[in-house]
Amino acid sequence: MRRPPATGPIVLGMLYPPAWFGGPEATARVATEVAALDPRVEVEALVYEEGQHRRTLRGSPTGVAEARRDPAPLTDVQRALFARVHGVIAIDLPFDVATVAPNLAWVQGVGAGTAQLESAGLAEAGIVCTSGAGTNAVSIAEFVVGRILEERKAFVALRASQERHAWEPRFGPELEGATIGLLGFGAINQAVAARLAPFGVELLVCRRSAGTAPPPPGIAECVPPSALHALLGRCDTVVAAVPETPDTLGLMDAAAFAAMAPGSFFVNVGRGTLVDERALIDALASGRLRGAAVDVASQEPLPADHPLWDAPNLSISPHCSTYPPAMAGRLHRLWIDNVARWLAGDSLVNVVVGG
């Protein structure tokens, strides 16, 4: 990977909106800490943010062309900073970034997903990209457990009875003894597993590396993607937390939902493009699934007239299962550690491109 220049300033850009991660004061504190790592380091905070809709397009192989036809404009100030930077921490980047930022050697993504950043041409330009994987795992895992308990214990129906002033007992089954499938076993589903294990559930995992080593502690069985449908049929609940790759696009299609155990529950906190949303709606409408919860969608923001909104027994949240203040602290610690590693010529953490 390209290293920082041996002489002269090393310019690092903090490009994400400060409001996301603690506000301007938090940004200034982190910038000061990073600059203290080496007297050559200069840190500049300047927002470059394209918005959720464009980010979703750029994160999808089928949407990149549409996003490129209408690129986000750059201000003169943004152009001037991009012309100088050697490394950035960012949620978005302009297309053809190697031309816009000829000195750029490394990008630290703020989230686990980096597809929208990679669409800027990082691999082609030899620019290393590291992700923020793991920084939001605790928050999302807690959200997942909450959704599972909410559905299992009929909390929504109980609230509706209360609002009607109706004494209508509902008895939710125990979670203990349930078989829960985890689709993907990165930081998020590892945190989900750690929080579900004390409930006395059986945990099954579908991951690409299944078979290369014994199942992790607390996991009853690991299977490869080729055995996904067989795993789905064994589970009461399935939690999906996988990155967006060509292999995961539409993976949860009509055949996958048909393979799920009758009356099972589905949760997706990874990427919306994993799911054939028409197939999910049909599985809910037919009663094949007793319910589902999604924090992500193929279009974000989800249009008001999208049929997902009216699917029966579906809980939708607008990509908010994380908790930014907690994620911010972990992200900043990760970035500071990676900056120190980069300056020292050591390997970076969470490399997804180059390295």
Protein backbone atom coordinates (compact mmCIF):
# COMPACT_ATOMS: atom_id res chain seq x y z
CA MET A 1 0.00 0.00 0.00
CA ARG A 2 1.05 3.59 -0.51
CA ARG A 3 2.50 5.18 2.59
CA PRO A 4 2.41 8.82 3.73
CA PRO A 5 5.03 11.15 2.25
CA ALA A 6 8.43 11.03 3.93
CA THR A 7 8.74 14.82 3.95
CA GLY A 8 6.32 17.70 4.06
CA PRO A 9 2.85 17.76 5.59
CA ILE A 10 0.62 14.67 5.81
CA VAL A 11 -2.90 15.94 5.24
CA LEU A 12 -5.82 13.97 6.71
CA GLY A 13 -9.43 14.92 6.05
CA MET A 14 -12.42 14.32 8.32
CA LEU A 15 -15.25 14.42 5.80
CA TYR A 16 -18.34 13.10 7.58
CA PRO A 17 -20.95 15.46 9.13
CA PRO A 18 -19.80 16.26 12.71
CA ALA A 19 -23.39 16.05 13.98
CA TRP A 20 -23.34 12.31 13.35
CA PHE A 21 -20.48 11.67 15.73
CA GLY A 22 -20.63 14.06 18.64
CA GLY A 23 -20.66 17.49 17.00
CA PRO A 24 -17.88 19.98 16.19
CA GLU A 25 -16.30 19.78 19.63
CA ALA A 26 -15.86 16.01 19.39
CA THR A 27 -14.46 16.39 15.89
CA ALA A 28 -11.97 18.97 17.12
CA ARG A 29 -10.85 16.73 19.99
CA VAL A 30 -10.23 13.81 17.65
CA ALA A 31 -8.42 16.04 15.16
CA THR A 32 -6.13 17.27 17.92
CA GLU A 33 -5.39 13.73 19.08
CA VAL A 34 -4.59 12.58 15.55
CA ALA A 35 -2.38 15.59 14.84
CA ALA A 36 -0.44 14.83 18.02
CA LEU A 37 0.66 11.47 16.57
CA ASP A 38 3.22 13.10 14.28
CA PRO A 39 4.31 16.75 13.85
CA ARG A 40 3.88 16.40 10.08
CA VAL A 41 0.17 15.60 10.36
CA GLU A 42 -2.42 18.24 9.51
CA VAL A 43 -6.08 17.39 10.07
CA GLU A 44 -8.83 19.31 8.29
CA ALA A 45 -12.55 18.82 8.90
CA LEU A 46 -14.73 19.56 5.88
CA VAL A 47 -18.04 17.83 5.18
CA TYR A 48 -18.51 15.81 2.00
CA GLU A 49 -21.84 14.01 2.19
CA GLU A 50 -23.99 12.85 -0.74
CA GLY A 51 -27.14 11.74 1.09
CA GLN A 52 -28.75 8.38 1.79
CA HIS A 53 -30.45 7.92 -1.59
CA ARG A 54 -27.29 8.48 -3.61
CA ARG A 55 -25.31 6.39 -1.12
CA THR A 56 -27.72 3.50 -1.61
CA LEU A 57 -27.43 3.78 -5.39
CA ARG A 58 -23.63 3.84 -5.25
CA GLY A 59 -23.59 0.87 -2.90
CA SER A 60 -25.52 -1.27 -5.37
CA PRO A 61 -23.97 -2.65 -8.57
CA THR A 62 -27.22 -1.87 -10.38
CA GLY A 63 -27.40 1.73 -9.14
CA VAL A 64 -23.88 3.03 -9.77
CA ALA A 65 -24.57 3.97 -13.39
CA GLU A 66 -27.61 6.03 -12.38
CA ALA A 67 -25.62 7.85 -9.69
CA ARG A 68 -22.80 8.56 -12.13
CA ARG A 69 -25.18 10.19 -14.62
CA ASP A 70 -25.93 12.87 -12.03
CA PRO A 71 -22.76 13.27 -9.93
CA ALA A 72 -22.77 15.34 -6.76
CA PRO A 73 -21.12 18.73 -7.40
CA LEU A 74 -17.94 19.72 -5.59
CA THR A 75 -17.45 23.17 -4.11
CA ASP A 76 -14.19 25.02 -4.67
CA VAL A 77 -13.29 24.49 -1.01
CA GLN A 78 -13.92 20.75 -1.27
CA ARG A 79 -11.84 20.54 -4.45
CA ALA A 80 -8.97 22.32 -2.77
CA LEU A 81 -8.97 19.90 0.16
CA PHE A 82 -9.26 16.80 -2.03
CA ALA A 83 -6.27 18.03 -4.02
CA ARG A 84 -4.16 17.96 -0.83
CA VAL A 85 -5.31 14.97 1.21
CA HIS A 86 -3.26 11.81 1.71
CA GLY A 87 -5.87 10.06 3.86
CA VAL A 88 -9.52 10.62 4.79
CA ILE A 89 -12.20 9.28 7.08
CA ALA A 90 -15.42 9.42 5.10
CA ILE A 91 -18.92 8.13 4.42
CA ASP A 92 -18.91 9.32 0.77
CA LEU A 93 -16.35 10.15 -1.92
CA PRO A 94 -16.68 11.76 -5.35
CA PHE A 95 -16.47 9.60 -8.44
CA ASP A 96 -13.05 9.27 -10.09
CA VAL A 97 -11.46 10.14 -6.78
CA ALA A 98 -7.94 9.43 -8.04
CA THR A 99 -8.28 12.41 -10.37
CA VAL A 100 -9.93 14.64 -7.78
CA ALA A 101 -7.51 13.56 -5.03
CA PRO A 102 -4.24 12.53 -6.73
CA ASN A 103 -2.36 12.12 -3.43
CA LEU A 104 -4.99 10.01 -1.69
CA ALA A 105 -3.54 6.73 -0.41
CA TRP A 106 -5.99 5.52 2.24
CA VAL A 107 -9.69 5.86 3.07
CA GLN A 108 -11.16 4.96 6.45
CA GLY A 109 -14.86 4.24 6.08
CA VAL A 110 -17.17 5.19 8.93
CA GLY A 111 -19.40 2.13 8.59
CA ALA A 112 -19.14 -1.60 8.03
CA GLY A 113 -20.31 -1.20 4.42
CA THR A 114 -17.88 0.42 2.00
CA ALA A 115 -19.44 -0.32 -1.39
CA GLN A 116 -20.39 3.33 -1.95
CA LEU A 117 -16.79 4.35 -1.25
CA GLU A 118 -15.38 1.64 -3.49
CA SER A 119 -17.52 2.97 -6.37
CA ALA A 120 -15.24 6.03 -6.39
CA GLY A 121 -12.57 3.86 -8.05
CA LEU A 122 -10.42 2.96 -5.05
CA ALA A 123 -9.25 -0.46 -6.22
CA GLU A 124 -8.40 0.80 -9.70
CA ALA A 125 -6.32 3.62 -8.22
CA GLY A 126 -4.53 1.43 -5.68
CA ILE A 127 -6.11 3.31 -2.77
CA VAL A 128 -6.49 1.27 0.42
CA CYS A 129 -9.89 1.24 2.11
CA THR A 130 -10.56 0.17 5.68
CA SER A 131 -14.04 -0.23 7.12
CA GLY A 132 -15.61 0.70 10.43
CA ALA A 133 -16.74 -2.90 10.96
CA GLY A 134 -17.47 -3.66 14.58
CA THR A 135 -17.97 -0.08 15.72
CA ASN A 136 -21.77 -0.39 15.74
CA ALA A 137 -22.06 -4.12 16.53
CA VAL A 138 -23.20 -3.72 20.16
CA SER A 139 -25.99 -1.26 19.38
CA ILE A 140 -27.31 -3.27 16.43
CA ALA A 141 -27.15 -6.54 18.35
CA GLU A 142 -29.20 -5.03 21.17
CA PHE A 143 -31.71 -3.78 18.59
CA VAL A 144 -31.98 -7.28 17.10
CA VAL A 145 -32.62 -8.88 20.48
CA GLY A 146 -35.23 -6.21 21.14
CA ARG A 147 -37.04 -6.95 17.89
CA ILE A 148 -36.99 -10.70 18.60
CA LEU A 149 -38.43 -10.23 22.09
CA GLU A 150 -40.93 -7.61 20.90
CA GLU A 151 -42.39 -10.06 18.40
CA ARG A 152 -42.17 -13.15 20.59
CA LYS A 153 -43.81 -11.52 23.61
CA ALA A 154 -46.47 -9.70 21.54
CA PHE A 155 -45.48 -6.28 22.85
CA VAL A 156 -47.06 -4.45 19.90
CA ALA A 157 -50.41 -6.17 20.39
CA LEU A 158 -50.28 -5.57 24.13
CA ARG A 159 -49.65 -1.87 23.54
CA ALA A 160 -52.60 -1.75 21.14
CA SER A 161 -54.83 -3.36 23.79
CA GLN A 162 -53.69 -0.79 26.34
CA GLU A 163 -54.49 2.06 23.98
CA ARG A 164 -58.02 0.64 23.59
CA HIS A 165 -58.28 0.24 27.40
CA ALA A 166 -58.96 -3.43 26.73
CA TRP A 167 -57.92 -6.17 29.20
CA GLU A 168 -56.80 -8.74 26.61
CA PRO A 169 -54.17 -11.17 27.94
CA ARG A 170 -51.61 -12.39 25.41
CA PHE A 171 -49.05 -15.00 26.31
CA GLY A 172 -45.81 -15.00 24.35
CA PRO A 173 -43.81 -18.22 24.08
CA GLU A 174 -40.42 -18.55 25.73
CA LEU A 175 -37.29 -17.87 23.75
CA GLU A 176 -35.45 -20.67 25.53
CA GLY A 177 -35.12 -23.72 23.31
CA ALA A 178 -35.62 -21.83 20.04
CA THR A 179 -33.28 -22.44 17.10
CA ILE A 180 -31.95 -19.19 15.66
CA GLY A 181 -30.06 -18.96 12.39
CA LEU A 182 -27.46 -16.26 11.82
CA LEU A 183 -26.88 -15.38 8.17
CA GLY A 184 -23.35 -13.97 8.19
CA PHE A 185 -21.04 -14.03 11.19
CA GLY A 186 -19.21 -10.74 11.19
CA ALA A 187 -19.02 -8.40 14.15
CA ILE A 188 -22.78 -7.77 14.27
CA ASN A 189 -23.98 -11.36 14.34
CA GLN A 190 -21.14 -12.30 16.67
CA ALA A 191 -22.54 -9.70 19.07
CA VAL A 192 -26.07 -11.01 18.44
CA ALA A 193 -24.91 -14.53 19.30
CA ALA A 194 -23.26 -13.36 22.51
CA ARG A 195 -26.49 -11.71 23.65
CA LEU A 196 -28.83 -14.53 22.63
CA ALA A 197 -26.77 -17.38 24.08
CA PRO A 198 -27.83 -16.69 27.71
CA PHE A 199 -31.47 -17.20 26.68
CA GLY A 200 -30.73 -20.89 26.11
CA VAL A 201 -31.23 -20.92 22.35
CA GLU A 202 -29.53 -23.10 19.74
CA LEU A 203 -27.47 -20.98 17.34
CA LEU A 204 -26.75 -22.01 13.75
CA VAL A 205 -24.54 -19.97 11.42
CA CYS A 206 -24.32 -19.67 7.63
CA ARG A 207 -20.99 -18.16 6.57
CA ARG A 208 -18.59 -18.39 3.64
CA SER A 209 -15.75 -19.79 5.76
CA ALA A 210 -17.79 -22.66 7.21
CA GLY A 211 -15.83 -25.89 7.29
CA THR A 212 -12.41 -24.28 7.56
CA ALA A 213 -12.42 -24.57 11.37
CA PRO A 214 -14.64 -25.90 14.16
CA PRO A 215 -17.74 -23.82 14.95
CA PRO A 216 -17.01 -20.83 17.22
CA PRO A 217 -17.81 -21.25 20.92
CA GLY A 218 -21.55 -21.18 21.55
CA ILE A 219 -22.43 -22.02 17.93
CA ALA A 220 -23.98 -25.44 17.41
CA GLU A 221 -23.23 -25.65 13.71
CA CYS A 222 -21.76 -23.64 10.81
CA VAL A 223 -22.81 -24.28 7.22
CA PRO A 224 -21.66 -22.77 3.90
CA PRO A 225 -23.96 -20.69 1.68
CA SER A 226 -24.67 -23.76 -0.44
CA ALA A 227 -26.56 -25.20 2.57
CA LEU A 228 -28.48 -22.00 3.33
CA HIS A 229 -31.92 -23.34 2.44
CA ALA A 230 -31.47 -26.42 4.60
CA LEU A 231 -30.46 -24.20 7.54
CA LEU A 232 -33.44 -21.89 7.01
CA GLY A 233 -35.81 -24.83 7.35
CA ARG A 234 -34.45 -25.65 10.81
CA CYS A 235 -34.82 -22.21 12.35
CA ASP A 236 -37.57 -20.49 14.30
CA THR A 237 -35.88 -17.12 13.71
CA VAL A 238 -33.28 -15.96 11.18
CA VAL A 239 -31.11 -12.86 11.59
CA ALA A 240 -29.33 -11.55 8.48
CA ALA A 241 -26.30 -9.26 8.82
CA VAL A 242 -24.23 -9.62 5.68
CA PRO A 243 -22.35 -7.09 3.53
CA GLU A 244 -23.48 -6.19 0.03
CA THR A 245 -21.59 -8.27 -2.50
CA PRO A 246 -22.52 -9.79 -5.87
CA ASP A 247 -23.13 -13.07 -4.01
CA THR A 248 -25.62 -11.58 -1.54
CA LEU A 249 -27.79 -9.55 -3.94
CA GLY A 250 -31.29 -11.02 -3.76
CA LEU A 251 -30.05 -14.03 -1.78
CA MET A 252 -33.23 -14.02 0.30
CA ASP A 253 -35.55 -14.59 -2.63
CA ALA A 254 -38.84 -16.47 -3.04
CA ALA A 255 -37.08 -19.83 -2.87
CA ALA A 256 -35.26 -18.85 0.33
CA PHE A 257 -38.44 -17.68 2.04
CA ALA A 258 -40.21 -20.85 0.90
CA ALA A 259 -37.38 -22.83 2.52
CA MET A 260 -37.88 -21.12 5.90
CA ALA A 261 -39.76 -23.07 8.53
CA PRO A 262 -43.51 -22.36 8.46
CA GLY A 263 -44.36 -19.64 10.95
CA SER A 264 -40.77 -18.44 11.40
CA PHE A 265 -39.50 -14.89 11.95
CA PHE A 266 -36.98 -12.96 9.82
CA VAL A 267 -34.77 -10.00 10.79
CA ASN A 268 -32.49 -8.05 8.44
CA VAL A 269 -30.00 -5.48 9.76
CA GLY A 270 -27.36 -5.86 7.03
CA ARG A 271 -28.19 -4.58 3.56
CA GLY A 272 -31.60 -4.16 1.96
CA THR A 273 -30.42 -5.60 -1.34
CA LEU A 274 -30.10 -9.02 0.33
CA VAL A 275 -33.88 -9.32 0.18
CA ASP A 276 -36.29 -9.73 -2.71
CA GLU A 277 -38.83 -7.45 -1.08
CA ARG A 278 -41.76 -8.69 -3.18
CA ALA A 279 -40.95 -12.21 -2.03
CA LEU A 280 -40.81 -11.06 1.60
CA ILE A 281 -44.20 -9.38 1.28
CA ASP A 282 -45.68 -12.54 -0.27
CA ALA A 283 -44.21 -14.73 2.48
CA LEU A 284 -45.79 -12.50 5.12
CA ALA A 285 -49.14 -12.23 3.33
CA SER A 286 -49.37 -15.98 2.85
CA GLY A 287 -48.54 -16.68 6.49
CA ARG A 288 -45.36 -18.55 5.61
CA LEU A 289 -43.62 -16.14 7.97
CA ARG A 290 -45.30 -15.11 11.20
CA GLY A 291 -43.45 -11.82 11.06
CA ALA A 292 -40.34 -9.91 10.07
CA ALA A 293 -38.33 -6.85 11.07
CA VAL A 294 -36.13 -4.88 8.69
CA ASP A 295 -33.86 -1.94 9.46
CA VAL A 296 -32.70 -1.63 5.85
CA ALA A 297 -34.36 -1.49 2.45
CA SER A 298 -33.35 -1.68 -1.20
CA GLN A 299 -34.34 2.01 -1.53
CA GLU A 300 -33.41 4.39 1.25
CA PRO A 301 -35.23 6.48 2.21
CA LEU A 302 -38.07 4.05 1.52
CA PRO A 303 -40.66 5.79 -0.69
CA ALA A 304 -43.96 6.50 1.03
CA ASP A 305 -45.85 4.45 -1.57
CA HIS A 306 -43.59 1.39 -1.33
CA PRO A 307 -45.60 -1.80 -0.65
CA LEU A 308 -43.28 -2.79 2.21
CA TRP A 309 -45.00 -0.22 4.44
CA ASP A 310 -48.27 -2.17 4.29
CA ALA A 311 -46.92 -5.70 4.52
CA PRO A 312 -48.62 -7.61 7.36
CA ASN A 313 -46.67 -8.31 10.54
CA LEU A 314 -43.65 -6.38 9.34
CA SER A 315 -41.76 -3.92 11.56
CA ILE A 316 -39.77 -1.32 9.62
CA SER A 317 -37.14 1.01 11.05
CA PRO A 318 -35.29 3.62 8.96
CA HIS A 319 -31.72 2.28 9.16
CA CYS A 320 -31.37 3.41 12.77
CA SER A 321 -30.51 0.26 14.72
CA THR A 322 -27.14 1.72 15.69
CA TYR A 323 -26.48 4.38 18.35
CA PRO A 324 -24.23 7.12 16.92
CA PRO A 325 -22.69 8.41 20.19
CA ALA A 326 -21.42 4.93 21.13
CA MET A 327 -20.40 4.15 17.57
CA ALA A 328 -18.52 7.47 17.38
CA GLY A 329 -16.23 6.62 20.26
CA ARG A 330 -15.34 3.22 18.81
CA LEU A 331 -14.93 4.65 15.31
CA HIS A 332 -12.59 7.39 16.45
CA ARG A 333 -10.49 4.96 18.47
CA LEU A 334 -10.27 2.73 15.39
CA TRP A 335 -9.25 5.63 13.15
CA ILE A 336 -6.64 6.91 15.58
CA ASP A 337 -5.19 3.41 15.88
CA ASN A 338 -5.13 3.02 12.10
CA VAL A 339 -3.50 6.42 11.59
CA ALA A 340 -0.74 5.41 14.02
CA ARG A 341 -0.32 2.12 12.18
CA TRP A 342 -0.24 3.86 8.79
CA LEU A 343 2.38 6.33 9.92
CA ALA A 344 4.51 3.49 11.35
CA GLY A 345 4.22 1.32 8.24
CA ASP A 346 2.24 -1.38 10.07
CA SER A 347 -0.78 -3.36 8.83
CA LEU A 348 -4.14 -1.59 9.10
CA VAL A 349 -7.26 -2.94 10.81
CA ASN A 350 -10.37 -3.85 8.75
CA VAL A 351 -8.78 -3.66 5.29
CA VAL A 352 -11.38 -4.29 2.58
CA VAL A 353 -9.57 -2.90 -0.49
CA GLY A 354 -5.84 -3.02 -1.17
CA GLY A 355 -3.36 -3.34 1.64
